[in-house]
Protein backbone atom coordinates (compact mmCIF):
# COMPACT_ATOMS: atom_id res chain seq x y z
CA MET A 1 14.67 4.41 -24.89
CA ASN A 2 13.02 2.12 -27.37
CA LEU A 3 14.24 -0.87 -25.35
CA MET A 4 12.69 0.55 -22.19
CA LEU A 5 9.39 0.98 -23.97
CA SER A 6 9.41 -2.55 -25.43
CA VAL A 7 9.88 -4.09 -21.90
CA MET A 8 6.71 -2.43 -20.63
CA ILE A 9 4.12 -4.69 -22.50
CA PRO A 10 5.82 -8.00 -21.60
CA LEU A 11 6.05 -6.90 -18.00
CA SER A 12 2.22 -6.18 -17.92
CA ILE A 13 1.52 -9.59 -19.50
CA THR A 14 3.92 -11.39 -17.08
CA PHE A 15 2.23 -9.70 -14.16
CA MET A 16 -1.08 -11.34 -15.09
CA MET A 17 0.76 -14.84 -15.19
CA MET A 18 2.13 -14.43 -11.64
CA ASN A 19 0.39 -16.09 -8.85
CA THR A 20 2.32 -15.18 -5.60
CA PRO A 21 2.25 -11.63 -4.09
CA ILE A 22 6.08 -11.44 -3.85
CA SER A 23 6.49 -11.93 -7.55
CA MET A 24 3.74 -9.53 -8.34
CA GLY A 25 5.34 -6.87 -6.11
CA GLY A 26 8.68 -7.47 -7.88
CA ILE A 27 7.03 -6.85 -11.28
CA VAL A 28 5.42 -3.74 -10.01
CA VAL A 29 8.82 -2.47 -8.71
CA ILE A 30 10.60 -3.18 -12.02
CA SER A 31 7.69 -1.49 -13.85
CA THR A 32 7.98 1.48 -11.65
CA MET A 33 11.66 1.68 -12.17
CA ASN A 34 11.29 1.49 -15.97
CA ILE A 35 8.58 4.17 -16.03
CA ALA A 36 10.68 6.39 -13.84
CA LEU A 37 13.61 6.05 -16.35
CA ILE A 38 11.42 6.71 -19.30
CA MET A 39 10.01 9.79 -17.58
CA GLY A 40 13.41 11.09 -16.56
CA CYS A 41 14.72 10.71 -20.09
CA GLU A 42 11.60 12.42 -21.62
CA LEU A 43 11.32 15.26 -19.16
CA ASN A 44 15.13 15.89 -18.82
CA THR A 45 14.78 15.99 -15.10
CA PHE A 46 14.58 13.00 -12.67
CA LEU A 47 12.79 14.91 -9.87
CA PHE A 48 9.26 13.80 -10.58
CA SER A 49 10.43 10.24 -11.40
CA TYR A 50 12.41 10.20 -8.11
CA LEU A 51 9.18 11.12 -6.23
CA LEU A 52 7.30 8.42 -8.06
CA VAL A 53 9.94 5.75 -7.20
CA ILE A 54 10.00 6.87 -3.53
CA LEU A 55 6.14 6.68 -3.31
CA MET A 56 5.92 3.31 -5.05
CA LEU A 57 8.64 1.77 -3.01
CA SER A 58 7.34 2.82 0.33
CA GLY A 59 3.90 1.40 -0.60
CA MET A 60 5.56 -1.85 -1.86
CA MET A 61 7.48 -2.09 1.56
CA VAL A 62 4.20 -1.97 3.41
CA ILE A 63 2.56 -4.65 1.22
CA PHE A 64 5.77 -6.84 1.63
CA MET A 65 5.61 -6.52 5.25
CA TYR A 66 1.92 -7.47 5.37
CA MET A 67 2.48 -10.34 3.02
CA ALA A 68 5.51 -11.53 5.06
CA VAL A 69 3.33 -11.64 8.11
CA ILE A 70 0.39 -13.46 6.39
CA ALA A 71 2.35 -15.97 4.29
CA SER A 72 5.69 -16.14 5.98
CA ASN A 73 6.72 -19.84 5.14
CA ASN A 74 5.73 -20.08 1.46
CA MET A 75 8.65 -20.57 -0.92
CA PHE A 76 9.04 -18.76 -4.14
CA TYR A 77 10.13 -20.81 -7.14
CA PRO A 78 10.58 -18.84 -10.36
CA SER A 79 9.02 -20.47 -13.44
CA ILE A 80 11.35 -21.00 -16.41
CA LYS A 81 8.30 -20.97 -18.75
CA ILE A 82 7.37 -17.45 -17.60
CA MET A 83 10.85 -16.30 -17.90
CA LEU A 84 11.33 -17.62 -21.47
CA SER A 85 7.93 -16.18 -22.39
CA PHE A 86 8.93 -12.76 -21.09
CA ILE A 87 12.22 -12.74 -23.06
CA PHE A 88 10.31 -13.84 -26.17
CA MET A 89 7.67 -11.15 -25.85
CA ALA A 90 10.30 -8.43 -25.18
CA PHE A 91 12.23 -9.39 -28.28
CA ILE A 92 9.10 -9.50 -30.44
CA THR A 93 7.91 -6.06 -29.07
CA TYR A 94 11.34 -4.58 -29.71
CA MET A 95 11.42 -5.74 -33.20
CA VAL A 96 7.95 -4.38 -33.88
CA MET A 97 8.87 -1.00 -32.47
CA GLU A 98 12.04 -0.89 -34.55
CA LYS A 99 9.83 -1.40 -37.58
CA MET A 100 7.46 1.25 -36.52
CA LYS A 101 10.21 3.82 -35.63
CA SER A 102 10.63 4.91 -39.27
CA ASN A 103 6.80 5.52 -39.56
CA TYR A 104 6.68 8.43 -37.09
CA SER A 105 8.66 11.49 -36.21
CA ILE A 106 8.52 13.82 -33.26
CA ASN A 107 8.74 17.52 -33.67
CA GLU A 108 10.98 18.76 -30.83
CA PHE A 109 9.71 22.37 -31.28
CA ASN A 110 6.12 21.29 -30.30
CA MET A 111 7.40 19.32 -27.33
CA THR A 112 9.31 22.29 -25.88
CA ILE A 113 6.27 24.46 -26.14
CA ASN A 114 4.02 21.93 -24.35
CA LEU A 115 6.78 21.35 -21.77
CA SER A 116 6.97 25.05 -20.94
CA ILE A 117 3.21 25.43 -20.64
CA ASN A 118 2.83 22.40 -18.25
CA LEU A 119 5.99 23.22 -16.29
CA MET A 120 4.43 25.64 -13.88
CA MET A 121 1.54 23.26 -13.09
CA THR A 122 3.92 20.33 -12.61
CA LEU A 123 6.20 22.35 -10.26
CA THR A 124 3.24 23.49 -8.27
CA ALA A 125 1.95 19.91 -7.86
CA ILE A 126 5.44 18.70 -6.82
CA VAL A 127 5.96 21.51 -4.25
CA MET A 128 2.33 20.78 -2.80
CA LEU A 129 3.11 16.99 -2.50
CA LEU A 130 6.46 17.74 -0.90
CA MET A 131 4.80 20.10 1.66
CA THR A 132 2.15 17.64 2.37
CA MET A 133 4.67 14.88 3.04
CA VAL A 134 6.62 17.25 5.41
CA VAL A 135 3.43 18.25 7.30
CA VAL A 136 2.32 14.64 7.74
CA VAL A 137 5.78 13.71 9.08
CA MET A 138 5.83 16.54 11.44
CA ILE A 139 2.24 15.79 12.74
CA LEU A 140 3.00 12.12 13.44
CA SER A 141 4.66 11.67 16.84
CA THR A 142 7.08 8.94 17.68
CA ASN A 143 4.77 7.80 20.53
CA SER A 144 2.04 6.82 18.05
CA GLY A 145 2.90 3.22 16.97
CA PRO A 146 0.82 0.55 15.39
CA LEU A 147 -2.81 0.10 16.13
CA ARG A 148 -2.35 -3.48 17.40
CA MET A 149 -1.04 -3.85 20.90
CA SER A 150 1.94 -6.10 21.65
CA ASN A 151 1.65 -9.07 24.06
CA ASN A 152 4.74 -8.34 26.09
């Protein structure tokens, strides 16, 4: 858990150093997977994190298709400098978090009380989002395609 949290800060800083849309999308996907794992471990259920991953990946697929049409022939070359700085930042963040771990403690009794209070609201939101997704899929017909006409 501590390792997953220590990767989040370097990922955010690395995102600011990227200059191609494909690498930015990759960082967003990795961050989403990391957040989903953290949420799944903290909530002891992976349903909400699974919905988050599906939503983010579907949005990233749309962005990837758009960027593939716009800039189809641009090559992507990963930077060794950025990779080394990411590894260094992750290591430093992990070491700082290990030092800080002894300074705080989490009362599990308080966490279970808060979880039971917010559980009904979270389940209601999940069911509402699921029903909305099903209704949107049922409303869309297979005849309605892209807005742009093909030149065939």
